Amino acid sequence: MTLKRQSAQTHPDNRWAITHAHARAVLVFAVAALTAVLAQRPDILLLGVPVGLIALWSVLSRPREVPSTRLVVPTGHLREGAWSRAVVGVSATPDTELVSTSLTHGTHIELDPERGARSHLVSSNDLEGQEIHVVTRVRAGRWGLRRIGPALVGATSPWGAFRWGPVPIEHQNIKVLPDPAVFDTSSPAPHPQGLVGQHRSRRPGEGSEFNTIRRFQWGDRLKRIHWGRSLRTGDLHVTSSFADQDTHVHIIVDAHYDLGASDHKEGLASSLDYSVRSAAAVAEHFLHQGDRVGLQVLSARTPLTLAPGSGRRHTQRVLEVLSLIQAQPQEQIDPRRLRHGVGPGALVVMISSLVSPAALAAAALLSHSGVQVVVIDALVDDVKPPGEQDDIAALAWRIRLIEREAEIRRVQTSGVPVVAWHGPGSLDQVLRSLARHRHGAAR
């Protein structure tokens, strides 16, 4: 939970002040009384008595305590596209009739109501509690570190005679986790290691894949006895299986550039949006299979690294790291940093828009060092080119795309597969070819 209590004792509006309505009521009664005395007209005084009674009632019911406030966001993590709440808490003080709040927001945040203004009529049930809650629904349209607030809160006494506020409340920052794109693959990942995943190993061991039927040996479990073969041969036979093993999948996200516009209301996504969401999808898929997944971000602004791990908690850690990515180019990529934590037999999935030759050069370098590398092209068709769309910029962008295609073909001829991200099944063909290559090398 993320919360912050506002310390506004020094704010000039943090007091109960007279409103213009109350001042007008007092002035009307005073003028009516003075006119009645000077003109000796009691009927004029009778006209001003109701206004005077209301003014007297308002003074007697003036709040004596100054409320305390806070802004609460119930969760510090939010999936993009999901709704949450922003709660403005105001301490329940006697003689408070109406509480009003106004909430602003940062980029890629949507409020309900649209401008974040709400009013709450205080009832007797609210005064019985310790705090009055005014709730505004919020939704994040894009991953990243997002700002909710600041907020303004105010209150009025009965008859609108006295007002408190508006008092500001500091904003809150929440992490918006990327929503993994739809991804699934039926192809096996190459080079399984360890003994916890769902990929079949070529070595016998404890698992669910049938291997063969062999003679009983000391240490074999009784539940594996094959009674049909044992009765026919007169000797005990057991069924053996292949070991269920895991794969180390190392994901590299190229965050040097963010091309295109990102607007969730219009359905637009940038190249970095596709990179982050596809990385989240690939990581979530392999982690659900029991594999170990590591993460590395190539960016001069956020050079993030996450050690390999597995399990549901590691899935949350991967999404949190992805939500902190900010694009910024760097001069060169350190090859030693790329190989850090990537052992033999690991599957490296590099996700990049491939507008810089450095990413492809790094993928080729990893492939030549004996690591299986797959490159995902995140520059999909609906990503618009950067900059203003004049004739010169459009021509330069077309030239760069031609050079980019030549660089991709060159790295493909060196043995590094490059696939465009199209959602489900994007990696199936590549993983099948890597698996065939592995079995061919073994033979």
Protein backbone atom coordinates (compact mmCIF):
# COMPACT_ATOMS: atom_id res chain seq x y z
CA MET A 1 0.00 0.00 0.00
CA THR A 2 1.18 3.47 -0.87
CA LEU A 3 -0.01 6.39 1.23
CA LYS A 4 1.08 9.82 2.31
CA ARG A 5 -0.42 11.99 5.03
CA GLN A 6 -0.47 15.69 4.26
CA SER A 7 1.25 18.00 6.71
CA ALA A 8 -0.46 21.31 5.89
CA GLN A 9 -0.44 23.14 9.21
CA THR A 10 1.37 26.08 7.62
CA HIS A 11 -0.85 26.28 4.54
CA PRO A 12 -2.81 29.57 4.47
CA ASP A 13 -6.09 27.79 3.65
CA ASN A 14 -5.72 25.21 6.41
CA ARG A 15 -8.33 26.94 8.62
CA TRP A 16 -12.06 27.53 8.72
CA ALA A 17 -12.69 30.88 7.03
CA ILE A 18 -15.86 32.89 6.51
CA THR A 19 -17.47 32.48 3.10
CA HIS A 20 -18.97 35.26 0.99
CA ALA A 21 -22.43 33.78 1.55
CA HIS A 22 -22.12 34.14 5.33
CA ALA A 23 -20.74 37.66 5.02
CA ARG A 24 -23.70 38.64 2.79
CA ALA A 25 -26.19 37.18 5.28
CA VAL A 26 -24.69 39.17 8.15
CA LEU A 27 -24.63 42.32 6.01
CA VAL A 28 -28.27 41.89 4.94
CA PHE A 29 -29.44 41.48 8.54
CA ALA A 30 -27.39 44.44 9.73
CA VAL A 31 -28.76 46.70 6.96
CA ALA A 32 -32.35 45.55 7.64
CA ALA A 33 -31.99 46.18 11.38
CA LEU A 34 -30.42 49.62 10.87
CA THR A 35 -33.05 50.62 8.33
CA ALA A 36 -35.87 49.46 10.65
CA VAL A 37 -34.50 51.54 13.53
CA LEU A 38 -33.88 54.67 11.49
CA ALA A 39 -37.16 54.48 9.57
CA GLN A 40 -39.12 53.09 12.53
CA ARG A 41 -40.35 50.24 10.31
CA PRO A 42 -40.62 46.97 12.30
CA ASP A 43 -41.78 45.17 9.14
CA ILE A 44 -38.33 45.65 7.58
CA LEU A 45 -36.75 44.02 10.62
CA LEU A 46 -39.09 41.07 10.25
CA LEU A 47 -37.86 40.63 6.67
CA GLY A 48 -34.25 40.40 7.88
CA VAL A 49 -34.90 38.10 10.86
CA PRO A 50 -34.74 34.77 8.87
CA VAL A 51 -31.40 35.74 7.38
CA GLY A 52 -30.13 36.77 10.81
CA LEU A 53 -31.24 33.46 12.36
CA ILE A 54 -29.42 31.52 9.65
CA ALA A 55 -26.27 33.60 10.25
CA LEU A 56 -26.54 32.99 14.02
CA TRP A 57 -27.09 29.27 13.48
CA SER A 58 -24.05 29.15 11.19
CA VAL A 59 -21.83 30.82 13.79
CA LEU A 60 -22.98 28.43 16.51
CA SER A 61 -22.29 25.41 14.25
CA ARG A 62 -18.88 26.57 13.08
CA PRO A 63 -16.37 23.63 13.10
CA ARG A 64 -13.75 23.90 15.78
CA GLU A 65 -11.29 21.29 14.47
CA VAL A 66 -9.14 21.38 11.34
CA PRO A 67 -9.28 18.08 9.39
CA SER A 68 -6.20 16.08 8.50
CA THR A 69 -5.90 14.61 5.02
CA ARG A 70 -4.09 11.91 3.13
CA LEU A 71 -3.96 10.41 -0.35
CA VAL A 72 -4.02 6.61 -0.48
CA VAL A 73 -3.38 4.34 -3.46
CA PRO A 74 -4.34 0.83 -2.24
CA THR A 75 -1.72 -0.90 -4.38
CA GLY A 76 1.78 0.11 -5.34
CA HIS A 77 1.66 -2.10 -8.47
CA LEU A 78 -0.91 -1.93 -11.22
CA ARG A 79 -1.22 -3.77 -14.53
CA GLU A 80 -1.63 -1.49 -17.52
CA GLY A 81 -5.23 -1.28 -18.62
CA ALA A 82 -6.53 -2.29 -15.17
CA TRP A 83 -8.64 -0.04 -12.96
CA SER A 84 -7.68 0.87 -9.41
CA ARG A 85 -8.66 3.48 -6.83
CA ALA A 86 -7.21 6.68 -5.45
CA VAL A 87 -8.71 7.47 -2.06
CA VAL A 88 -8.60 10.89 -0.44
CA GLY A 89 -9.03 10.45 3.31
CA VAL A 90 -10.33 13.36 5.42
CA SER A 91 -10.66 13.05 9.17
CA ALA A 92 -14.29 13.22 10.34
CA THR A 93 -14.78 16.51 12.21
CA PRO A 94 -18.12 17.60 13.72
CA ASP A 95 -20.23 20.23 11.93
CA THR A 96 -18.78 19.39 8.49
CA GLU A 97 -21.48 19.20 5.82
CA LEU A 98 -19.72 18.75 2.46
CA VAL A 99 -16.27 17.44 1.45
CA SER A 100 -14.97 18.10 -2.08
CA THR A 101 -11.85 16.75 -3.78
CA SER A 102 -10.08 17.35 -7.08
CA LEU A 103 -7.43 14.94 -8.39
CA THR A 104 -4.95 15.60 -11.18
CA HIS A 105 -2.84 13.00 -12.93
CA GLY A 106 0.27 12.46 -14.97
CA THR A 107 0.65 11.11 -18.49
CA HIS A 108 -1.04 7.86 -19.51
CA ILE A 109 -3.39 7.99 -16.49
CA GLU A 110 -7.18 8.07 -16.92
CA LEU A 111 -9.58 9.22 -14.18
CA ASP A 112 -13.24 8.42 -13.53
CA PRO A 113 -14.81 10.99 -13.33
CA GLU A 114 -12.76 12.46 -16.15
CA ARG A 115 -11.46 15.54 -14.30
CA GLY A 116 -11.16 13.78 -10.95
CA ALA A 117 -13.58 16.12 -9.09
CA ARG A 118 -15.92 14.55 -6.54
CA SER A 119 -18.10 15.78 -3.66
CA HIS A 120 -19.29 13.84 -0.65
CA LEU A 121 -22.23 14.86 1.56
CA VAL A 122 -21.29 14.05 5.14
CA SER A 123 -23.82 11.92 7.00
CA SER A 124 -24.15 10.85 10.60
CA ASN A 125 -22.57 7.49 9.74
CA ASP A 126 -19.46 9.26 8.46
CA LEU A 127 -19.12 11.21 11.70
CA GLU A 128 -19.27 7.99 13.69
CA GLY A 129 -16.13 6.78 11.97
CA GLN A 130 -12.66 8.28 12.12
CA GLU A 131 -12.24 9.20 8.45
CA ILE A 132 -14.27 10.14 5.38
CA HIS A 133 -13.19 8.46 2.14
CA VAL A 134 -13.69 10.05 -1.28
CA VAL A 135 -12.85 7.53 -4.01
CA THR A 136 -11.74 8.28 -7.58
CA ARG A 137 -11.17 5.46 -10.07
CA VAL A 138 -7.85 5.51 -11.93
CA ARG A 139 -6.51 3.48 -14.83
CA ALA A 140 -3.01 3.36 -16.29
CA GLY A 141 -2.80 3.05 -20.05
CA ARG A 142 0.95 2.39 -20.31
CA TRP A 143 3.60 0.62 -18.26
CA GLY A 144 6.18 2.61 -16.33
CA LEU A 145 6.43 4.78 -13.23
CA ARG A 146 3.23 6.84 -13.21
CA ARG A 147 2.05 9.76 -11.09
CA ILE A 148 -1.36 10.03 -9.41
CA GLY A 149 -2.07 13.45 -7.93
CA PRO A 150 -1.50 15.99 -6.54
CA ALA A 151 -4.95 16.43 -5.05
CA LEU A 152 -6.91 19.34 -3.59
CA VAL A 153 -9.41 18.82 -0.78
CA GLY A 154 -11.82 21.24 0.87
CA ALA A 155 -14.93 21.25 3.09
CA THR A 156 -17.81 23.51 4.06
CA SER A 157 -19.93 23.85 7.19
CA PRO A 158 -23.78 23.90 7.27
CA TRP A 159 -25.41 26.66 5.19
CA GLY A 160 -22.05 27.16 3.46
CA ALA A 161 -21.04 29.72 6.08
CA PHE A 162 -17.47 28.58 6.65
CA ARG A 163 -15.04 26.83 4.33
CA TRP A 164 -11.82 24.92 4.85
CA GLY A 165 -9.24 24.58 2.10
CA PRO A 166 -8.56 23.87 -0.63
CA VAL A 167 -5.50 22.15 0.85
CA PRO A 168 -3.02 20.37 -1.47
CA ILE A 169 -1.94 16.76 -1.01
CA GLU A 170 1.28 15.51 -2.56
CA HIS A 171 1.15 13.10 -5.48
CA GLN A 172 1.81 9.38 -5.33
CA ASN A 173 3.97 7.29 -7.69
CA ILE A 174 2.94 3.78 -8.66
CA LYS A 175 4.60 1.14 -10.80
CA VAL A 176 2.48 0.14 -13.77
CA LEU A 177 3.50 -3.35 -14.85
CA PRO A 178 3.37 -4.26 -18.54
CA ASP A 179 0.49 -6.43 -19.66
CA PRO A 180 2.13 -9.41 -21.40
CA ALA A 181 1.10 -9.76 -25.01
CA VAL A 182 -0.65 -12.94 -26.03
CA PHE A 183 2.11 -15.49 -26.55
CA ASP A 184 2.24 -19.23 -26.74
CA THR A 185 4.56 -21.75 -28.26
CA SER A 186 4.29 -25.46 -28.67
CA SER A 187 7.91 -25.85 -29.71
CA PRO A 188 10.54 -27.15 -27.29
CA ALA A 189 13.25 -24.85 -26.00
CA PRO A 190 16.79 -26.03 -26.79
CA HIS A 191 19.38 -27.28 -24.31
CA PRO A 192 17.32 -28.07 -21.19
CA GLN A 193 19.30 -27.92 -17.95
CA GLY A 194 18.53 -28.58 -14.32
CA LEU A 195 15.70 -30.79 -13.11
CA VAL A 196 12.59 -28.66 -12.54
CA GLY A 197 11.12 -27.68 -15.91
CA GLN A 198 8.70 -29.32 -18.32
CA HIS A 199 11.10 -29.98 -21.24
CA ARG A 200 12.05 -33.59 -21.91
CA SER A 201 15.73 -34.38 -21.44
CA ARG A 202 17.75 -36.87 -23.44
CA ARG A 203 18.97 -38.35 -20.15
CA PRO A 204 17.01 -40.95 -18.17
CA GLY A 205 15.67 -39.83 -14.81
CA GLU A 206 12.54 -39.02 -12.84
CA GLY A 207 9.92 -37.53 -15.10
CA SER A 208 6.66 -38.06 -16.91
CA GLU A 209 7.97 -38.95 -20.44
CA PHE A 210 8.15 -42.71 -21.10
CA ASN A 211 11.61 -43.98 -22.07
CA THR A 212 11.74 -47.78 -22.09
CA ILE A 213 11.10 -50.97 -20.11
CA ARG A 214 14.17 -52.52 -18.48
CA ARG A 215 15.12 -55.04 -15.80
CA PHE A 216 14.61 -54.14 -12.17
CA GLN A 217 17.63 -52.64 -10.40
CA TRP A 218 18.29 -51.91 -6.76
CA GLY A 219 16.81 -48.49 -5.92
CA ASP A 220 13.95 -48.65 -8.42
CA ARG A 221 10.55 -47.68 -7.01
CA LEU A 222 7.98 -50.43 -6.68
CA LYS A 223 5.29 -48.31 -8.34
CA ARG A 224 7.31 -48.46 -11.59
CA ILE A 225 7.13 -52.28 -11.85
CA HIS A 226 5.66 -53.35 -15.18
CA TRP A 227 3.64 -56.40 -14.14
CA GLY A 228 2.75 -57.51 -17.67
CA ARG A 229 6.38 -57.85 -18.78
CA SER A 230 7.39 -59.28 -15.40
CA LEU A 231 4.78 -62.07 -15.54
CA ARG A 232 5.68 -62.99 -19.13
CA THR A 233 9.45 -63.14 -18.56
CA GLY A 234 9.54 -64.32 -14.97
CA ASP A 235 11.88 -61.44 -14.01
CA LEU A 236 10.95 -58.08 -12.55
CA HIS A 237 10.87 -55.26 -15.11
CA VAL A 238 10.25 -51.54 -14.53
CA THR A 239 9.37 -48.60 -16.74
CA SER A 240 11.95 -45.84 -17.05
CA SER A 241 11.36 -42.21 -18.04
CA PHE A 242 13.18 -39.17 -19.29
CA ALA A 243 14.04 -36.48 -16.76
CA ASP A 244 11.95 -33.30 -16.83
CA GLN A 245 14.45 -30.48 -17.13
CA ASP A 246 14.44 -26.72 -17.35
CA THR A 247 16.00 -24.23 -19.74
CA HIS A 248 17.87 -21.04 -18.92
CA VAL A 249 16.23 -18.31 -21.01
CA HIS A 250 18.08 -14.99 -21.00
CA ILE A 251 16.04 -12.06 -22.32
CA ILE A 252 17.84 -8.97 -23.61
CA VAL A 253 15.70 -5.87 -24.22
CA ASP A 254 17.20 -3.21 -26.49
CA ALA A 255 15.92 0.10 -25.05
CA HIS A 256 18.22 2.44 -26.94
CA TYR A 257 15.36 3.98 -28.93
CA ASP A 258 11.61 4.39 -28.58
CA LEU A 259 10.10 4.90 -32.02
CA GLY A 260 6.51 5.84 -32.73
CA ALA A 261 3.71 7.24 -30.58
CA SER A 262 2.18 5.57 -27.55
CA ASP A 263 -1.48 6.38 -26.89
CA HIS A 264 -3.72 3.76 -25.28
CA LYS A 265 -6.88 5.71 -26.08
CA GLU A 266 -6.18 5.63 -29.82
CA GLY A 267 -4.66 2.15 -29.75
CA LEU A 268 -1.16 3.33 -30.71
CA ALA A 269 1.97 1.57 -29.45
CA SER A 270 5.63 2.47 -29.86
CA SER A 271 8.49 0.11 -30.61
CA LEU A 272 9.48 0.09 -26.93
CA ASP A 273 5.90 -0.83 -26.00
CA TYR A 274 6.11 -3.88 -28.25
CA SER A 275 9.56 -4.73 -26.87
CA VAL A 276 8.52 -4.55 -23.23
CA ARG A 277 5.21 -6.39 -23.70
CA SER A 278 6.74 -9.15 -25.79
CA ALA A 279 9.55 -9.53 -23.24
CA ALA A 280 6.94 -9.86 -20.50
CA ALA A 281 5.05 -12.44 -22.55
CA VAL A 282 8.14 -14.56 -23.28
CA ALA A 283 9.29 -14.40 -19.66
CA GLU A 284 5.87 -15.28 -18.28
CA HIS A 285 5.50 -18.20 -20.69
CA PHE A 286 8.81 -19.87 -19.82
CA LEU A 287 8.47 -19.15 -16.10
CA HIS A 288 5.09 -20.88 -16.07
CA GLN A 289 6.83 -23.90 -17.58
CA GLY A 290 9.29 -23.98 -14.68
CA ASP A 291 12.28 -22.61 -16.60
CA ARG A 292 14.81 -20.14 -15.30
CA VAL A 293 14.61 -16.67 -16.83
CA GLY A 294 17.11 -13.83 -16.62
CA LEU A 295 16.71 -10.27 -17.88
CA GLN A 296 19.07 -7.60 -19.17
CA VAL A 297 18.21 -4.10 -20.42
CA LEU A 298 20.44 -2.23 -22.86
CA SER A 299 19.97 1.47 -22.12
CA ALA A 300 22.27 4.27 -21.03
CA ARG A 301 19.55 5.56 -18.70
CA THR A 302 18.36 2.31 -17.11
CA PRO A 303 21.01 -0.42 -17.54
CA LEU A 304 19.04 -2.98 -15.53
CA THR A 305 19.98 -6.62 -14.89
CA LEU A 306 18.01 -9.39 -13.20
CA ALA A 307 19.67 -12.66 -12.25
CA PRO A 308 18.07 -15.90 -13.48
CA GLY A 309 15.27 -17.24 -11.34
CA SER A 310 12.02 -19.14 -11.47
CA GLY A 311 8.63 -19.16 -9.83
CA ARG A 312 5.75 -16.74 -9.42
CA ARG A 313 7.74 -14.25 -7.38
CA HIS A 314 10.37 -14.07 -10.09
CA THR A 315 7.61 -13.34 -12.61
CA GLN A 316 6.64 -10.33 -10.51
CA ARG A 317 10.29 -9.22 -10.32
CA VAL A 318 10.65 -9.44 -14.10
CA LEU A 319 7.55 -7.27 -14.64
CA GLU A 320 8.78 -4.72 -12.08
CA VAL A 321 12.15 -4.40 -13.82
CA LEU A 322 10.45 -4.03 -17.21
CA SER A 323 8.26 -1.24 -15.83
CA LEU A 324 11.36 0.82 -14.97
CA ILE A 325 12.81 0.86 -18.51
CA GLN A 326 13.53 4.26 -20.03
CA ALA A 327 14.96 4.63 -23.51
CA GLN A 328 18.31 6.30 -24.09
CA PRO A 329 21.09 5.32 -26.55
CA GLN A 330 24.55 4.39 -25.35
CA GLU A 331 27.81 4.74 -27.24
CA GLN A 332 28.85 1.09 -27.19
CA ILE A 333 27.77 -2.27 -25.78
CA ASP A 334 30.20 -4.07 -23.51
CA PRO A 335 30.51 -7.71 -24.73
CA ARG A 336 31.53 -8.88 -21.26
CA ARG A 337 28.34 -7.47 -19.79
CA LEU A 338 26.30 -9.28 -22.43
CA ARG A 339 27.86 -12.63 -21.52
CA HIS A 340 27.52 -12.07 -17.78
CA GLY A 341 25.31 -14.80 -16.32
CA VAL A 342 24.82 -16.53 -19.70
CA GLY A 343 26.23 -20.02 -19.47
CA PRO A 344 26.63 -22.64 -22.16
CA GLY A 345 23.34 -24.09 -23.36
CA ALA A 346 21.31 -20.97 -22.52
CA LEU A 347 18.73 -19.60 -24.93
CA VAL A 348 19.17 -15.85 -25.49
CA VAL A 349 16.12 -13.97 -26.73
CA MET A 350 17.03 -10.45 -27.84
CA ILE A 351 14.14 -8.06 -28.43
CA SER A 352 14.99 -4.94 -30.41
CA SER A 353 13.66 -2.52 -33.00
CA LEU A 354 16.96 -3.14 -34.86
CA VAL A 355 17.37 0.47 -35.97
CA SER A 356 20.89 0.49 -34.54
CA PRO A 357 23.52 -1.91 -35.93
CA ALA A 358 24.92 -2.37 -32.41
CA ALA A 359 22.10 -4.71 -31.36
CA LEU A 360 22.60 -7.02 -34.33
CA ALA A 361 26.36 -6.99 -33.82
CA ALA A 362 25.86 -7.98 -30.17
CA ALA A 363 23.53 -10.84 -31.21
CA ALA A 364 26.08 -12.12 -33.73
CA LEU A 365 28.83 -11.93 -31.11
CA LEU A 366 26.78 -14.00 -28.67
CA SER A 367 26.00 -16.54 -31.37
CA HIS A 368 29.67 -16.92 -32.30
CA SER A 369 30.51 -17.57 -28.64
CA GLY A 370 28.41 -20.75 -28.70
CA VAL A 371 25.08 -19.46 -27.32
CA GLN A 372 21.75 -20.07 -29.05
CA VAL A 373 20.37 -16.61 -29.95
CA VAL A 374 16.94 -15.62 -31.26
CA VAL A 375 16.25 -11.99 -32.23
CA ILE A 376 12.69 -10.60 -32.11
CA ASP A 377 12.06 -7.62 -34.38
CA ALA A 378 9.87 -5.18 -32.41
CA LEU A 379 9.53 -2.66 -35.26
CA VAL A 380 6.11 -3.84 -36.42
CA ASP A 381 4.22 -2.37 -39.35
CA ASP A 382 1.99 0.03 -37.38
CA VAL A 383 4.94 1.81 -35.71
CA LYS A 384 5.26 5.20 -37.36
CA PRO A 385 8.71 6.64 -38.19
CA PRO A 386 10.21 9.19 -35.78
CA GLY A 387 10.25 12.93 -36.31
CA GLU A 388 8.15 15.17 -38.52
CA GLN A 389 6.79 13.68 -41.71
CA ASP A 390 8.34 15.93 -44.34
CA ASP A 391 9.75 14.66 -47.66
CA ILE A 392 13.38 14.67 -46.54
CA ALA A 393 12.63 12.83 -43.28
CA ALA A 394 10.49 10.25 -45.09
CA LEU A 395 13.27 9.63 -47.63
CA ALA A 396 15.89 9.26 -44.91
CA TRP A 397 13.66 6.82 -43.05
CA ARG A 398 13.16 4.68 -46.18
CA ILE A 399 16.93 4.59 -46.74
CA ARG A 400 17.47 3.51 -43.15
CA LEU A 401 14.89 0.74 -43.50
CA ILE A 402 16.67 -0.56 -46.61
CA GLU A 403 19.99 -0.58 -44.72
CA ARG A 404 18.23 -2.30 -41.83
CA GLU A 405 16.93 -5.08 -44.07
CA ALA A 406 20.43 -5.66 -45.42
CA GLU A 407 21.86 -5.86 -41.90
CA ILE A 408 19.15 -8.35 -40.87
CA ARG A 409 19.89 -10.58 -43.88
CA ARG A 410 23.59 -10.45 -43.10
CA VAL A 411 23.12 -11.55 -39.49
CA GLN A 412 20.68 -14.28 -40.58
CA THR A 413 23.28 -15.75 -42.91
CA SER A 414 25.64 -15.97 -39.93
CA GLY A 415 23.18 -18.31 -38.17
CA VAL A 416 21.14 -15.92 -36.00
CA PRO A 417 17.39 -16.24 -36.66
CA VAL A 418 15.43 -12.96 -36.73
CA VAL A 419 11.64 -13.13 -36.43
CA ALA A 420 9.06 -10.34 -36.43
CA TRP A 421 6.75 -10.17 -33.44
CA HIS A 422 3.25 -11.18 -34.45
CA GLY A 423 1.91 -12.44 -31.13
CA PRO A 424 1.00 -16.13 -30.83
CA GLY A 425 3.44 -18.55 -32.42
CA SER A 426 6.07 -15.94 -33.24
CA LEU A 427 8.92 -18.16 -32.03
CA ASP A 428 7.55 -21.58 -32.97
CA GLN A 429 9.42 -21.97 -36.23
CA VAL A 430 12.71 -20.74 -34.82
CA LEU A 431 12.57 -22.91 -31.70
CA ARG A 432 11.75 -25.97 -33.81
CA SER A 433 14.76 -25.31 -36.03
CA LEU A 434 17.00 -24.84 -32.98
CA ALA A 435 15.73 -28.12 -31.52
CA ARG A 436 16.40 -29.96 -34.81
CA HIS A 437 19.87 -28.42 -34.91
CA ARG A 438 20.49 -29.65 -31.36
CA HIS A 439 19.37 -33.23 -32.13
CA GLY A 440 21.38 -33.26 -35.37
CA ALA A 441 24.52 -32.15 -33.54
CA ALA A 442 23.94 -34.84 -30.92
CA ARG A 443 23.70 -37.54 -33.59
